[in-house]
C-alpha cells in the first residue's frame, strides 16, 4: 500500500467528526482499578420523542470493552447493537466511489477521473474514457478534488428504547475501558535523630485510554479483583435525578470500605484527566511516624566462609493509630529521603505491599557500608542415619562510632530443625527460621555461635 497514502490518512485523522447527539451528559463518574482498566458511568438526559425510540451513542475509544456496555433508564430496552470500528481505508473504499480524483504517478504524470473501485486495488475511469487499474499503489499519490473522504469512524451503540414517558429521560450508561491505571507513590522523609518519619502518599494515575475525562467524579480502588473482558458484571441502577458531587475543602482522597472486599478512595473535587496524561493526586499525609532502622543478614546452610558481607538496611514501622497511621496503606513504591535541617538527600527506594491496619511493614532500602558479617565456621556432622548437626560461628563487625545490632536470620535447607545450643537466644523461633539479634559495641565485633540439628 502506498506509504504516502497512509501519511495522508493520518493527517486527515486530525480533523474532528461531527456527530448528531440526541442526548446531553449531566455528570460522569470514573472508577480506576489497579488491573489497568476503569469503569465509566455517565448520567445522561435523553430526548425520546416517540416510543419506541432509537438512541445512538458513539463509543469514545477503541479501548472500551464493548461487552461491558450497559444502559439503565426508566423503561424497556428492546434491542442493543454495536457497530464495529471502521478504519480510514474501509471508509474510503465505500465513500469514494464516483468521486473525482487526480492520480500522480512516480514519474510525475497526472491522470484525472472518477473512482470506479477502491478496495485492495484502485480502478479510476479517466475523463477521456480510459480505465486505470492500479494493483500496487506504491509510489502513487491520490488527490481528491473538492472532496474530503470520510475519516475514521468510531464504533456506535444503538438502543431501541420503549420509555414509560416520552420527552426527557434520565439514563445511566456504564462501560469498562482498558488503558488506564493507578498506583500509589509514597515519599518518606526520615529524621535519623528522632527515629521519626513523615509520609506522603499520592495516587499516580496514568491515562492511555484514548478518552479525555472532563470534570469527572473520581474514585480509585485498591484490591485484586477478578476481571474477565467478556463478562458484564453490572447490575441495574435506579435513576431518580441527577445529583452534583459536593465540593469539599480538603483536596485529599477519602477512604471508604464499602466496596465489596476492597478499599475505595473518593476524591472530593471533580478532576480533569486528559488522554496520555499522568497525574498525581494526594491520598494522605501524616507526620511523626516512629520507625526502626534494622540491619539484616540472611544466613543459609552452606555460606561462603571468611568473607565480610554487608547486611541489608530495612525501615520497619507499624500501621497503627498510635503511630499516626491506622488506615489501609495501598501497595506502591516508596522513595526514602533523609532530612537534616534544610538538606534533603535521597537514601533509597522500596516497594510497599498492601498493609492493613495493625500490620508491620519492613522495607529494604540498601546495604550498610560500616557494618559487616563474616561466617567463620559452618560445619556439618552426620550424627545419625537421618540426622545432621550443623555448627555455626558468625562474627559481626561494627565500624561505627556508636553501638549497633544486626539481625542474623538463619534458614535451614531441611525440615524439622531443632536448636541445640546458642550463646544468644533467638528473638524469633519458627520451624524453618531462626532470628538472632546480635548487639555490637562501637568499633568492635561480636560473635554468634549456635548449633542446630536437622532431619534429612
Protein backbone atom coordinates (compact mmCIF):
# COMPACT_ATOMS: atom_id res chain seq x y z
CA UNK A 1 0.00 0.00 0.00
CA UNK A 2 1.16 3.48 -0.84
CA UNK A 3 3.21 4.90 2.06
CA UNK A 4 2.24 8.43 1.07
CA UNK A 5 -1.40 7.39 1.13
CA UNK A 6 -1.03 6.35 4.76
CA UNK A 7 0.55 9.70 5.55
CA UNK A 8 -2.50 11.42 4.06
CA UNK A 9 -4.76 9.20 6.15
CA UNK A 10 -3.06 10.13 9.41
CA UNK A 11 -3.10 13.82 8.57
CA UNK A 12 -6.82 13.68 7.86
CA UNK A 13 -7.41 11.91 11.18
CA UNK A 14 -6.52 15.13 12.94
CA UNK A 15 -9.84 16.61 11.85
CA UNK A 16 -12.89 16.21 14.09
CA UNK A 17 -16.05 14.39 13.13
CA UNK A 18 -19.43 15.92 13.77
CA UNK A 19 -21.97 13.63 15.39
CA UNK A 20 -25.62 14.44 15.83
CA UNK A 21 -26.38 13.83 19.51
CA UNK A 22 -29.87 13.33 20.89
CA UNK A 23 -28.68 13.42 24.49
CA UNK A 24 -26.74 15.59 26.92
CA UNK A 25 -24.30 14.46 29.60
CA UNK A 26 -25.28 15.55 33.11
CA UNK A 27 -22.34 14.01 35.00
CA UNK A 28 -19.53 11.47 34.62
CA UNK A 29 -18.02 9.20 37.27
CA UNK A 30 -14.71 7.40 36.80
CA UNK A 31 -13.57 4.47 38.98
CA UNK A 32 -10.00 3.33 38.33
CA UNK A 33 -8.71 -0.09 39.33
CA UNK A 34 -5.18 -1.46 39.52
CA UNK A 35 -5.83 -4.02 36.78
CA UNK A 36 -5.21 -1.47 34.01
CA UNK A 37 -8.88 -0.76 33.49
CA UNK A 38 -11.58 1.57 34.73
CA UNK A 39 -15.35 1.81 34.98
CA UNK A 40 -17.04 4.84 33.44
CA UNK A 41 -20.57 5.81 34.42
CA UNK A 42 -22.36 8.70 32.74
CA UNK A 43 -25.71 10.18 33.73
CA UNK A 44 -27.41 11.26 30.50
CA UNK A 45 -30.56 13.17 29.61
CA UNK A 46 -32.18 11.51 26.61
CA UNK A 47 -34.71 13.18 24.33
CA UNK A 48 -37.09 10.38 23.46
CA UNK A 49 -39.90 11.91 21.42
CA UNK A 50 -41.59 8.69 20.41
CA UNK A 51 -41.97 5.10 21.59
CA UNK A 52 -40.07 3.13 20.52
CA UNK A 53 -37.09 5.49 20.01
CA UNK A 54 -33.68 4.83 18.52
CA UNK A 55 -30.82 6.12 20.69
CA UNK A 56 -27.31 6.25 19.23
CA UNK A 57 -24.20 6.57 21.41
CA UNK A 58 -20.71 6.95 19.98
CA UNK A 59 -18.15 4.85 21.86
CA UNK A 60 -15.36 7.30 22.82
CA UNK A 61 -12.40 4.96 22.27
CA UNK A 62 -11.48 1.61 20.76
CA UNK A 63 -10.16 0.69 24.24
CA UNK A 64 -13.72 0.49 25.54
CA UNK A 65 -14.69 -3.13 26.23
CA UNK A 66 -17.77 -3.46 24.04
CA UNK A 67 -19.17 -6.42 26.00
CA UNK A 68 -19.30 -4.29 29.16
CA UNK A 69 -21.54 -1.52 27.79
CA UNK A 70 -24.78 -1.32 29.75
CA UNK A 71 -27.70 1.14 29.79
CA UNK A 72 -30.31 1.66 32.52
CA UNK A 73 -33.29 4.01 32.41
CA UNK A 74 -36.98 4.11 33.32
CA UNK A 75 -38.29 1.95 30.51
CA UNK A 76 -37.66 -1.11 28.37
CA UNK A 77 -34.64 -1.85 26.19
CA UNK A 78 -35.97 -3.68 23.14
CA UNK A 79 -32.66 -4.07 21.34
CA UNK A 80 -28.95 -3.24 21.69
CA UNK A 81 -26.45 -3.46 18.82
CA UNK A 82 -22.83 -2.37 18.48
CA UNK A 83 -21.14 -1.44 15.21
CA UNK A 84 -17.51 -2.37 14.64
CA UNK A 85 -14.93 0.44 14.35
CA UNK A 86 -14.24 1.45 10.76
CA UNK A 87 -10.70 2.12 9.56
CA UNK A 88 -9.90 5.08 7.29
CA UNK A 89 -9.24 2.72 4.37
CA UNK A 90 -12.58 0.93 4.87
CA UNK A 91 -14.39 4.25 4.79
CA UNK A 92 -12.50 5.48 1.73
CA UNK A 93 -13.35 2.25 -0.07
CA UNK A 94 -17.08 2.73 0.43
CA UNK A 95 -17.48 6.51 0.21
CA UNK A 96 -15.03 7.38 -2.59
CA UNK A 97 -16.82 5.51 -5.40
CA UNK A 98 -17.76 8.03 -8.10
CA UNK A 99 -15.65 10.84 -6.62
CA UNK A 100 -13.27 12.85 -8.79
CA UNK A 101 -9.56 12.27 -8.14
CA UNK A 102 -6.19 13.13 -9.59
CA UNK A 103 -3.56 10.38 -9.72
CA UNK A 104 0.11 11.36 -9.81
CA UNK A 105 2.47 8.60 -10.94
CA UNK A 106 6.02 8.20 -9.58
CA UNK A 107 7.43 9.91 -12.72
CA UNK A 108 5.10 12.93 -12.29
CA UNK A 109 2.48 12.05 -14.91
CA UNK A 110 -1.07 13.02 -13.85
CA UNK A 111 -4.46 11.48 -14.65
CA UNK A 112 -7.90 12.84 -13.75
CA UNK A 113 -11.02 10.76 -13.43
CA UNK A 114 -13.54 9.15 -11.11
CA UNK A 115 -13.07 6.24 -8.73
CA UNK A 116 -14.72 3.07 -10.03
CA UNK A 117 -13.36 0.76 -7.34
CA UNK A 118 -11.31 1.44 -4.25
CA UNK A 119 -10.53 -1.68 -2.22
CA UNK A 120 -7.24 -3.57 -2.12
CA UNK A 121 -6.88 -2.25 -5.66
CA UNK A 122 -7.81 1.05 -7.35
CA UNK A 123 -9.70 1.47 -10.65
CA UNK A 124 -10.13 5.02 -12.00
CA UNK A 125 -12.12 5.92 -15.10
CA UNK A 126 -10.36 8.91 -16.68
CA UNK A 127 -12.12 11.89 -18.27
CA UNK A 128 -11.00 10.56 -21.65
CA UNK A 129 -12.95 7.34 -21.05
CA UNK A 130 -9.97 5.15 -20.26
CA UNK A 131 -9.70 2.93 -17.18
CA UNK A 132 -6.59 2.87 -14.99
CA UNK A 133 -6.03 -0.26 -12.93
CA UNK A 134 -3.57 0.01 -10.03
CA UNK A 135 -3.00 -3.21 -8.08
CA UNK A 136 0.01 -1.78 -6.20
CA UNK A 137 -0.29 1.86 -5.17
CA UNK A 138 3.36 2.13 -4.11
CA UNK A 139 4.79 5.43 -5.32
CA UNK A 140 1.45 6.91 -6.49
CA UNK A 141 -0.26 9.95 -4.97
CA UNK A 142 -4.05 10.29 -4.85
CA UNK A 143 -5.61 13.77 -4.71
CA UNK A 144 -9.33 14.01 -4.00
CA UNK A 145 -10.67 17.02 -5.92
CA UNK A 146 -13.11 19.22 -3.95
CA UNK A 147 -13.90 16.27 -1.69
CA UNK A 148 -12.82 15.12 1.73
CA UNK A 149 -13.24 11.37 2.20
CA UNK A 150 -15.00 10.10 5.29
CA UNK A 151 -12.44 9.61 8.02
CA UNK A 152 -12.04 7.07 10.78
CA UNK A 153 -15.43 6.26 12.23
CA UNK A 154 -15.70 5.28 15.88
CA UNK A 155 -17.99 2.39 16.77
CA UNK A 156 -21.52 3.16 17.94
CA UNK A 157 -24.08 1.55 20.22
CA UNK A 158 -27.67 1.62 19.05
CA UNK A 159 -30.52 1.07 21.50
CA UNK A 160 -34.15 0.65 20.60
CA UNK A 161 -35.95 2.02 23.65
CA UNK A 162 -39.54 1.90 24.83
CA UNK A 163 -39.72 4.58 27.55
CA UNK A 164 -42.54 4.87 30.07
CA UNK A 165 -42.82 8.52 29.09
CA UNK A 166 -41.71 10.49 26.05
CA UNK A 167 -39.62 13.64 26.28
CA UNK A 168 -36.63 14.00 28.59
CA UNK A 169 -35.50 10.78 30.32
CA UNK A 170 -32.58 10.28 32.68
CA UNK A 171 -30.37 7.26 31.98
CA UNK A 172 -27.09 5.73 33.09
CA UNK A 173 -24.58 4.28 30.65
CA UNK A 174 -21.80 2.16 32.14
CA UNK A 175 -18.76 0.58 30.49
CA UNK A 176 -15.22 -0.64 31.10
CA UNK A 177 -12.19 0.77 29.36
CA UNK A 178 -8.63 -0.50 29.33
CA UNK A 179 -5.52 1.65 29.11
CA UNK A 180 -5.96 3.48 32.42
CA UNK A 181 -4.27 2.55 35.67
CA UNK A 182 -3.23 3.89 39.05
CA UNK A 183 -0.60 3.00 41.61
CA UNK A 184 0.50 4.55 44.88
CA UNK A 185 3.60 6.70 45.12
CA UNK A 186 5.00 7.36 48.59
CA UNK A 187 7.54 9.93 49.71
CA UNK A 188 9.05 9.22 53.16
CA UNK A 189 11.23 11.78 54.97
CA UNK A 190 13.37 10.28 57.75
CA UNK A 191 14.58 12.07 60.86
CA UNK A 192 17.50 9.87 61.98
CA UNK A 193 17.95 11.64 65.32
CA UNK A 194 14.35 11.19 66.44
CA UNK A 195 13.69 7.95 64.53
CA UNK A 196 10.53 9.53 63.13
CA UNK A 197 9.35 9.93 59.54
CA UNK A 198 6.80 11.96 57.60
CA UNK A 199 4.89 10.03 54.94
CA UNK A 200 3.13 11.47 51.90
CA UNK A 201 1.02 9.20 49.67
CA UNK A 202 -0.19 10.04 46.16
CA UNK A 203 -2.32 8.23 43.60
CA UNK A 204 -0.26 8.17 40.40
CA UNK A 205 -2.86 7.94 37.60
CA UNK A 206 -1.82 7.17 34.02
CA UNK A 207 -4.43 7.64 31.30
CA UNK A 208 -3.71 5.89 27.99
CA UNK A 209 -7.35 5.01 27.33
CA UNK A 210 -7.87 7.34 24.37
CA UNK A 211 -10.54 9.26 26.31
CA UNK A 212 -10.39 12.82 27.68
CA UNK A 213 -12.21 12.95 31.02
CA UNK A 214 -13.53 16.42 31.86
CA UNK A 215 -14.72 17.34 35.38
CA UNK A 216 -15.44 13.78 36.49
CA UNK A 217 -16.21 12.36 39.92
CA UNK A 218 -13.16 10.20 40.63
CA UNK A 219 -12.75 7.05 42.70
CA UNK A 220 -9.83 4.63 42.85
CA UNK A 221 -9.97 1.07 44.18
CA UNK A 222 -7.26 -0.89 45.96
CA UNK A 223 -7.63 -4.64 45.64
CA UNK A 224 -7.00 -7.64 43.41
CA UNK A 225 -10.37 -8.37 41.84
CA UNK A 226 -11.03 -10.98 39.19
CA UNK A 227 -11.80 -9.46 35.80
CA UNK A 228 -12.79 -11.05 32.50
CA UNK A 229 -13.17 -8.92 29.40
CA UNK A 230 -16.13 -10.88 28.09
CA UNK A 231 -18.12 -10.62 31.31
CA UNK A 232 -20.56 -7.80 32.09
CA UNK A 233 -20.67 -7.51 35.90
CA UNK A 234 -23.05 -4.53 36.14
CA UNK A 235 -26.37 -4.54 37.91
CA UNK A 236 -29.32 -2.26 37.15
CA UNK A 237 -29.22 1.12 38.88
CA UNK A 238 -32.42 3.04 39.54
CA UNK A 239 -32.26 6.68 38.37
CA UNK A 240 -34.33 9.36 40.05
CA UNK A 241 -32.48 12.61 39.46
CA UNK A 242 -29.00 13.85 38.58
CA UNK A 243 -27.12 14.88 41.71
CA UNK A 244 -24.00 17.01 41.73
CA UNK A 245 -20.93 15.97 43.74
CA UNK A 246 -20.37 18.34 46.70
CA UNK A 247 -17.04 20.17 46.74
CA UNK A 248 -15.05 19.64 49.93
CA UNK A 249 -12.42 21.97 51.30
CA UNK A 250 -9.71 19.31 51.58
CA UNK A 251 -8.29 18.05 48.27
CA UNK A 252 -7.38 14.59 49.55
CA UNK A 253 -8.97 11.23 48.91
CA UNK A 254 -11.46 9.93 51.42
CA UNK A 255 -11.11 6.27 52.45
CA UNK A 256 -14.15 4.02 52.18
CA UNK A 257 -14.53 0.30 52.92
CA UNK A 258 -17.96 -0.23 51.40
CA UNK A 259 -16.97 -1.66 48.01
CA UNK A 260 -17.31 -5.43 48.47
CA UNK A 261 -14.00 -6.68 49.98
CA UNK A 262 -11.89 -3.88 48.52
CA UNK A 263 -10.87 -0.41 49.61
CA UNK A 264 -12.24 2.58 47.76
CA UNK A 265 -10.91 6.13 47.79
CA UNK A 266 -13.12 9.01 46.66
CA UNK A 267 -11.63 12.32 45.58
CA UNK A 268 -13.68 15.26 46.92
CA UNK A 269 -13.24 17.51 43.89
CA UNK A 270 -14.04 16.99 40.24
CA UNK A 271 -11.00 16.02 38.19
CA UNK A 272 -9.95 16.54 34.58
CA UNK A 273 -7.76 13.76 33.21
CA UNK A 274 -6.67 14.10 29.60
CA UNK A 275 -5.67 11.20 27.39
CA UNK A 276 -1.92 10.42 27.66
CA UNK A 277 -1.75 12.43 30.89
CA UNK A 278 -0.08 11.35 34.12
CA UNK A 279 -1.44 12.95 37.29
CA UNK A 280 -0.55 12.78 40.99
CA UNK A 281 -3.39 13.29 43.47
CA UNK A 282 -2.75 13.19 47.20
CA UNK A 283 -4.12 10.24 49.14
CA UNK A 284 -2.96 11.32 52.59
CA UNK A 285 -0.11 12.94 54.51
CA UNK A 286 0.91 12.08 58.05
CA UNK A 287 3.82 13.07 60.27
CA UNK A 288 5.84 11.83 63.23
CA UNK A 289 5.62 8.11 62.47
CA UNK A 290 8.02 6.09 64.65
CA UNK A 291 10.24 3.70 62.73
CA UNK A 292 13.19 1.39 63.30
CA UNK A 293 16.24 1.03 61.12
CA UNK A 294 17.13 -2.66 61.09
CA UNK A 295 20.26 -4.34 59.73
CA UNK A 296 19.63 -7.88 58.46
CA UNK A 297 21.91 -10.66 57.26
CA UNK A 298 20.41 -13.86 55.83
CA UNK A 299 22.37 -16.99 56.75
CA UNK A 300 21.81 -20.19 54.78
CA UNK A 301 23.02 -23.74 55.34
CA UNK A 302 26.16 -23.55 53.18
CA UNK A 303 27.54 -19.98 53.30
CA UNK A 304 30.88 -18.81 51.96
CA UNK A 305 33.46 -18.60 54.74
CA UNK A 306 35.85 -15.83 55.75
CA UNK A 307 34.26 -13.15 53.60
CA UNK A 308 32.95 -9.88 55.02
CA UNK A 309 29.47 -9.20 53.60
CA UNK A 310 27.26 -6.16 54.03
CA UNK A 311 23.97 -6.55 55.90
CA UNK A 312 20.81 -5.14 54.35
CA UNK A 313 19.13 -1.99 55.65
CA UNK A 314 15.39 -2.11 56.39
CA UNK A 315 12.98 0.57 57.55
CA UNK A 316 10.29 -1.00 59.76
CA UNK A 317 7.11 0.61 61.08
CA UNK A 318 3.70 -0.50 62.30
CA UNK A 319 0.46 0.67 60.73
CA UNK A 320 -1.49 1.76 63.81
CA UNK A 321 -3.32 4.81 65.13
CA UNK A 322 -0.77 5.09 67.95
CA UNK A 323 1.86 5.57 65.23
CA UNK A 324 -0.21 8.29 63.46
CA UNK A 325 -1.37 5.90 60.74
CA UNK A 326 -4.25 3.48 61.26
CA UNK A 327 -5.62 3.36 57.69
CA UNK A 328 -5.08 0.89 54.86
CA UNK A 329 -1.77 1.56 53.11
CA UNK A 330 -2.17 0.55 49.43
CA UNK A 331 0.72 -1.10 47.65
CA UNK A 332 3.18 1.18 45.88
CA UNK A 333 6.73 2.44 45.51
CA UNK A 334 8.34 4.38 48.36
CA UNK A 335 11.11 6.94 47.91
CA UNK A 336 13.08 7.49 51.14
CA UNK A 337 14.78 10.79 51.91
CA UNK A 338 16.80 11.86 54.93
CA UNK A 339 16.11 15.37 56.11
CA UNK A 340 18.78 17.18 58.12
CA UNK A 341 18.00 20.84 58.64
CA UNK A 342 17.30 22.29 55.21
CA UNK A 343 19.04 19.45 53.36
CA UNK A 344 17.10 16.57 51.80
CA UNK A 345 19.02 13.59 50.43
CA UNK A 346 17.69 10.50 48.65
CA UNK A 347 18.69 7.31 50.55
CA UNK A 348 16.83 4.51 48.79
CA UNK A 349 13.65 3.15 47.27
CA UNK A 350 11.47 0.20 48.11
CA UNK A 351 8.10 -1.40 47.33
CA UNK A 352 5.36 -1.49 49.94
CA UNK A 353 2.89 -4.36 49.91
CA UNK A 354 -0.71 -3.61 50.86
CA UNK A 355 -0.60 -3.04 54.63
CA UNK A 356 -3.89 -3.31 56.56
CA UNK A 357 -4.31 -1.70 59.96
CA UNK A 358 -2.20 -3.49 62.58
CA UNK A 359 0.30 -4.83 60.05
CA UNK A 360 4.03 -4.18 60.29
CA UNK A 361 5.93 -3.22 57.15
CA UNK A 362 9.62 -3.91 56.67
CA UNK A 363 11.09 -2.18 53.61
CA UNK A 364 14.51 -2.82 52.12
CA UNK A 365 16.34 0.41 51.19
CA UNK A 366 20.00 -0.57 50.60
CA UNK A 367 23.16 -2.17 52.03
CA UNK A 368 25.10 -0.92 55.05
CA UNK A 369 28.63 0.39 54.46
CA UNK A 370 30.05 0.41 58.03
CA UNK A 371 28.76 -2.96 59.23
CA UNK A 372 29.83 -6.41 58.08
CA UNK A 373 29.06 -10.07 58.74
CA UNK A 374 31.67 -12.80 58.40
CA UNK A 375 30.90 -16.52 58.69
CA UNK A 376 33.94 -18.24 60.18
CA UNK A 377 32.56 -21.75 60.58
CA UNK A 378 29.67 -23.74 59.01
CA UNK A 379 30.40 -27.35 59.91
CA UNK A 380 28.01 -30.23 59.15
CA UNK A 381 28.32 -33.54 61.04
CA UNK A 382 26.18 -36.62 60.49
CA UNK A 383 25.11 -37.88 63.91
CA UNK A 384 22.57 -40.49 62.88
CA UNK A 385 21.04 -42.24 59.92
CA UNK A 386 18.71 -39.32 59.12
CA UNK A 387 20.06 -36.53 61.31
CA UNK A 388 22.69 -33.82 60.71
CA UNK A 389 24.20 -31.44 63.23
CA UNK A 390 25.32 -28.02 61.95
CA UNK A 391 27.62 -25.71 63.88
CA UNK A 392 27.99 -22.02 63.02
CA UNK A 393 30.31 -19.26 64.11
CA UNK A 394 29.33 -15.81 62.83
CA UNK A 395 31.37 -12.65 63.51
CA UNK A 396 29.61 -9.28 63.28
CA UNK A 397 31.78 -6.18 62.70
CA UNK A 398 30.76 -2.67 63.69
CA UNK A 399 32.90 0.13 62.20
CA UNK A 400 30.57 2.84 63.51
CA UNK A 401 31.35 5.23 66.34
CA UNK A 402 28.14 4.15 68.07
CA UNK A 403 26.61 0.88 69.17
CA UNK A 404 24.60 -1.14 66.68
CA UNK A 405 22.93 -4.52 66.25
CA UNK A 406 22.49 -6.93 63.35
CA UNK A 407 19.70 -9.45 62.88
CA UNK A 408 21.07 -12.80 61.73
CA UNK A 409 18.24 -14.72 60.08
CA UNK A 410 19.02 -18.42 59.64
CA UNK A 411 17.16 -20.53 57.04
CA UNK A 412 17.90 -24.29 57.08
CA UNK A 413 17.61 -26.27 53.86
CA UNK A 414 15.87 -29.20 55.61
CA UNK A 415 12.80 -29.51 57.75
CA UNK A 416 12.43 -30.45 61.43
CA UNK A 417 15.09 -28.05 62.72
CA UNK A 418 15.97 -28.13 66.44
CA UNK A 419 18.13 -25.54 68.20
CA UNK A 420 20.61 -27.41 70.41
CA UNK A 421 22.93 -24.71 71.74
CA UNK A 422 23.46 -20.95 71.33
CA UNK A 423 25.28 -18.10 73.07
CA UNK A 424 22.48 -15.62 72.08
CA UNK A 425 18.85 -16.61 72.46
CA UNK A 426 16.78 -16.10 69.29
CA UNK A 427 14.26 -13.24 69.28
CA UNK A 428 12.12 -15.25 66.86
CA UNK A 429 11.88 -19.00 66.51
CA UNK A 430 9.97 -20.75 63.74
CA UNK A 431 10.17 -24.28 62.28
CA UNK A 432 12.06 -23.01 59.25
CA UNK A 433 13.62 -19.80 60.56
CA UNK A 434 15.66 -18.50 63.49
CA UNK A 435 16.25 -14.79 64.10
CA UNK A 436 19.15 -13.72 66.35
CA UNK A 437 19.73 -10.09 67.28
CA UNK A 438 23.46 -9.59 67.79
CA UNK A 439 24.42 -6.41 69.70
CA UNK A 440 27.81 -4.87 68.81
CA UNK A 441 29.65 -2.12 70.64
CA UNK A 442 31.06 0.81 68.68
CA UNK A 443 34.23 -0.03 66.71
CA UNK A 444 34.04 -3.62 67.90
CA UNK A 445 32.97 -7.15 66.99
CA UNK A 446 30.52 -9.69 68.41
CA UNK A 447 30.17 -13.42 67.86
CA UNK A 448 27.14 -15.60 67.37
CA UNK A 449 27.73 -19.32 67.98
CA UNK A 450 24.89 -21.81 67.65
CA UNK A 451 24.25 -25.47 66.86
CA UNK A 452 21.16 -26.93 65.19
CA UNK A 453 20.13 -30.42 64.30
CA UNK A 454 18.07 -31.06 61.18
CA UNK A 455 16.28 -34.11 59.91
CA UNK A 456 17.15 -35.43 56.45
